[in-house]
């Protein structure tokens, strides 16, 4: 494992990590495992009710777009 200090200004692709700000890692010391993945990410928790509503909403949007392509 490698450890990087905040000064490296690392890119971050984990959108739901609490340390991700504008796709940059804001954690003081980041540990990268042998697969090149961050071992320090902390993901936010979403309320199950909110998550279910969002899944249904986004699924409906996708299905509506597919209907438009069937014309």
N, C-alpha and C. Protein backbone atom coordinates (compact mmCIF):
# COMPACT_ATOMS: atom_id res chain seq x y z
N UNK A 1 0.83 -1.18 0.00
CA UNK A 1 0.00 0.00 0.00
C UNK A 1 0.88 1.24 0.00
N UNK A 2 0.39 2.26 -0.70
CA UNK A 2 1.10 3.53 -0.73
C UNK A 2 0.24 4.57 -0.02
N UNK A 3 0.90 5.50 0.66
CA UNK A 3 0.18 6.58 1.31
C UNK A 3 0.58 7.89 0.65
N UNK A 4 -0.42 8.71 0.36
CA UNK A 4 -0.19 10.02 -0.25
C UNK A 4 -0.71 11.09 0.68
N UNK A 5 -0.02 12.21 0.74
CA UNK A 5 -0.49 13.32 1.55
C UNK A 5 -1.40 14.21 0.71
N UNK A 6 -2.21 15.00 1.39
CA UNK A 6 -3.21 15.85 0.75
C UNK A 6 -2.61 16.72 -0.36
N UNK A 7 -1.39 17.13 -0.22
CA UNK A 7 -0.76 18.01 -1.18
C UNK A 7 -0.70 17.46 -2.60
N UNK A 8 -0.90 16.16 -2.76
CA UNK A 8 -0.87 15.57 -4.09
C UNK A 8 -2.11 15.91 -4.90
N UNK A 9 -3.17 16.44 -4.25
CA UNK A 9 -4.36 16.91 -4.96
C UNK A 9 -4.92 15.83 -5.88
N UNK A 10 -5.18 14.67 -5.32
CA UNK A 10 -5.60 13.50 -6.09
C UNK A 10 -7.02 13.62 -6.63
N UNK A 11 -7.21 13.12 -7.84
CA UNK A 11 -8.55 13.00 -8.40
C UNK A 11 -9.31 11.93 -7.64
N UNK A 12 -10.64 12.08 -7.56
CA UNK A 12 -11.47 11.09 -6.89
C UNK A 12 -12.70 10.81 -7.75
N UNK A 13 -12.96 9.54 -8.00
CA UNK A 13 -14.11 9.15 -8.81
C UNK A 13 -15.27 8.62 -7.96
N UNK A 14 -15.08 8.56 -6.65
CA UNK A 14 -16.14 8.04 -5.78
C UNK A 14 -17.06 9.19 -5.38
N UNK A 15 -18.09 9.37 -6.16
CA UNK A 15 -18.99 10.51 -6.00
C UNK A 15 -19.66 10.55 -4.62
N UNK A 16 -19.90 9.40 -4.02
CA UNK A 16 -20.59 9.35 -2.74
C UNK A 16 -19.66 9.28 -1.54
N UNK A 17 -18.38 9.50 -1.75
CA UNK A 17 -17.42 9.55 -0.64
C UNK A 17 -17.49 10.94 0.00
N UNK A 18 -17.47 10.97 1.34
CA UNK A 18 -17.57 12.26 2.03
C UNK A 18 -16.34 13.14 1.81
N UNK A 19 -15.24 12.57 1.39
CA UNK A 19 -14.02 13.34 1.15
C UNK A 19 -13.93 13.88 -0.28
N UNK A 20 -14.85 13.51 -1.14
CA UNK A 20 -14.83 13.96 -2.53
C UNK A 20 -15.47 15.34 -2.62
N UNK A 21 -14.69 16.31 -3.02
CA UNK A 21 -15.17 17.67 -3.23
C UNK A 21 -14.73 18.10 -4.63
N UNK A 22 -15.70 18.27 -5.52
CA UNK A 22 -15.39 18.66 -6.90
C UNK A 22 -14.42 17.68 -7.56
N UNK A 23 -14.65 16.38 -7.33
CA UNK A 23 -13.85 15.30 -7.89
C UNK A 23 -12.38 15.33 -7.46
N UNK A 24 -12.13 15.91 -6.29
CA UNK A 24 -10.80 15.93 -5.69
C UNK A 24 -10.91 15.37 -4.28
N UNK A 25 -9.93 14.59 -3.87
CA UNK A 25 -9.93 14.02 -2.53
C UNK A 25 -9.46 15.07 -1.53
N UNK A 26 -10.22 15.24 -0.46
CA UNK A 26 -9.89 16.22 0.57
C UNK A 26 -9.36 15.57 1.85
N UNK A 27 -9.14 14.25 1.81
CA UNK A 27 -8.64 13.55 2.98
C UNK A 27 -7.17 13.90 3.19
N UNK A 28 -6.74 13.99 4.45
CA UNK A 28 -5.36 14.38 4.75
C UNK A 28 -4.33 13.39 4.23
N UNK A 29 -4.55 12.09 4.46
CA UNK A 29 -3.61 11.06 4.01
C UNK A 29 -4.42 9.95 3.36
N UNK A 30 -4.17 9.70 2.10
CA UNK A 30 -4.92 8.71 1.33
C UNK A 30 -4.06 7.45 1.19
N UNK A 31 -4.67 6.29 1.49
CA UNK A 31 -3.99 5.01 1.33
C UNK A 31 -4.53 4.34 0.08
N UNK A 32 -3.62 3.98 -0.83
CA UNK A 32 -3.99 3.32 -2.08
C UNK A 32 -3.55 1.87 -1.97
N UNK A 33 -4.50 0.94 -2.21
CA UNK A 33 -4.17 -0.48 -2.10
C UNK A 33 -3.46 -0.99 -3.35
N UNK A 34 -3.13 -2.26 -3.38
CA UNK A 34 -2.37 -2.83 -4.50
C UNK A 34 -3.15 -2.82 -5.81
N UNK A 35 -4.48 -2.64 -5.75
CA UNK A 35 -5.30 -2.55 -6.96
C UNK A 35 -5.45 -1.12 -7.45
N UNK A 36 -4.81 -0.17 -6.75
CA UNK A 36 -4.89 1.23 -7.13
C UNK A 36 -6.15 1.91 -6.64
N UNK A 37 -6.82 1.30 -5.66
CA UNK A 37 -8.07 1.85 -5.14
C UNK A 37 -7.85 2.45 -3.76
N UNK A 38 -8.60 3.49 -3.46
CA UNK A 38 -8.52 4.16 -2.17
C UNK A 38 -9.08 3.26 -1.07
N UNK A 39 -8.34 3.12 0.02
CA UNK A 39 -8.81 2.34 1.16
C UNK A 39 -9.43 3.21 2.24
N UNK A 40 -9.49 4.52 2.03
CA UNK A 40 -9.94 5.43 3.07
C UNK A 40 -11.30 6.06 2.80
N UNK A 41 -11.96 5.68 1.73
CA UNK A 41 -13.23 6.31 1.41
C UNK A 41 -14.30 5.97 2.43
N UNK A 42 -15.14 6.95 2.70
CA UNK A 42 -16.29 6.79 3.58
C UNK A 42 -17.50 7.23 2.77
N UNK A 43 -18.38 6.29 2.48
CA UNK A 43 -19.53 6.60 1.63
C UNK A 43 -20.70 7.12 2.47
N UNK A 44 -21.43 8.08 1.91
CA UNK A 44 -22.59 8.62 2.61
C UNK A 44 -23.70 7.57 2.61
N UNK A 45 -24.56 7.67 3.61
CA UNK A 45 -25.71 6.78 3.70
C UNK A 45 -26.94 7.51 3.18
N UNK A 46 -27.74 6.83 2.38
CA UNK A 46 -28.98 7.40 1.88
C UNK A 46 -30.15 6.68 2.53
N UNK A 47 -31.16 7.44 2.92
CA UNK A 47 -32.37 6.90 3.50
C UNK A 47 -33.00 5.92 2.51
N UNK A 48 -33.43 4.76 2.99
CA UNK A 48 -33.99 3.73 2.10
C UNK A 48 -35.21 4.21 1.34
N UNK A 49 -36.05 5.02 1.99
CA UNK A 49 -37.22 5.56 1.32
C UNK A 49 -36.83 6.49 0.18
N UNK A 50 -35.87 7.37 0.44
CA UNK A 50 -35.38 8.29 -0.59
C UNK A 50 -34.76 7.51 -1.74
N UNK A 51 -33.95 6.51 -1.41
CA UNK A 51 -33.29 5.70 -2.43
C UNK A 51 -34.30 4.97 -3.30
N UNK A 52 -35.34 4.41 -2.70
CA UNK A 52 -36.38 3.70 -3.46
C UNK A 52 -37.11 4.66 -4.40
N UNK A 53 -37.44 5.85 -3.92
CA UNK A 53 -38.13 6.85 -4.76
C UNK A 53 -37.25 7.27 -5.94
N UNK A 54 -35.96 7.50 -5.67
CA UNK A 54 -35.05 7.92 -6.74
C UNK A 54 -34.86 6.83 -7.77
N UNK A 55 -34.74 5.58 -7.32
CA UNK A 55 -34.61 4.47 -8.27
C UNK A 55 -35.84 4.40 -9.17
N UNK A 56 -37.02 4.50 -8.56
CA UNK A 56 -38.27 4.44 -9.34
C UNK A 56 -38.35 5.61 -10.32
N UNK A 57 -37.99 6.81 -9.87
CA UNK A 57 -38.03 7.99 -10.73
C UNK A 57 -37.07 7.85 -11.92
N UNK A 58 -35.86 7.41 -11.63
CA UNK A 58 -34.89 7.29 -12.71
C UNK A 58 -35.24 6.15 -13.66
N UNK A 59 -35.79 5.06 -13.14
CA UNK A 59 -36.22 3.97 -13.99
C UNK A 59 -37.34 4.43 -14.92
N UNK A 60 -38.27 5.22 -14.39
CA UNK A 60 -39.36 5.75 -15.20
C UNK A 60 -38.82 6.66 -16.30
N UNK A 61 -37.83 7.49 -15.98
CA UNK A 61 -37.21 8.36 -16.99
C UNK A 61 -36.57 7.54 -18.10
N UNK A 62 -35.89 6.48 -17.74
CA UNK A 62 -35.23 5.62 -18.74
C UNK A 62 -36.27 4.95 -19.62
N UNK A 63 -37.32 4.43 -18.99
CA UNK A 63 -38.36 3.76 -19.77
C UNK A 63 -39.05 4.72 -20.72
N UNK A 64 -39.27 5.99 -20.31
CA UNK A 64 -39.87 6.98 -21.18
C UNK A 64 -38.96 7.29 -22.37
N UNK A 65 -37.66 7.35 -22.12
CA UNK A 65 -36.72 7.60 -23.23
C UNK A 65 -36.74 6.44 -24.22
N UNK A 66 -36.81 5.21 -23.72
CA UNK A 66 -36.87 4.05 -24.60
C UNK A 66 -38.15 4.04 -25.43
N UNK A 67 -39.26 4.47 -24.83
CA UNK A 67 -40.52 4.54 -25.58
C UNK A 67 -40.39 5.51 -26.75
N UNK A 68 -39.67 6.61 -26.52
CA UNK A 68 -39.48 7.61 -27.59
C UNK A 68 -38.67 7.05 -28.74
N UNK A 69 -37.80 6.09 -28.51
CA UNK A 69 -36.98 5.51 -29.58
C UNK A 69 -37.74 4.45 -30.36
N UNK A 70 -38.85 3.97 -29.81
CA UNK A 70 -39.64 2.92 -30.49
C UNK A 70 -40.54 3.48 -31.57
N UNK A 71 -40.65 4.79 -31.68
CA UNK A 71 -41.56 5.41 -32.65
C UNK A 71 -41.07 5.30 -34.06
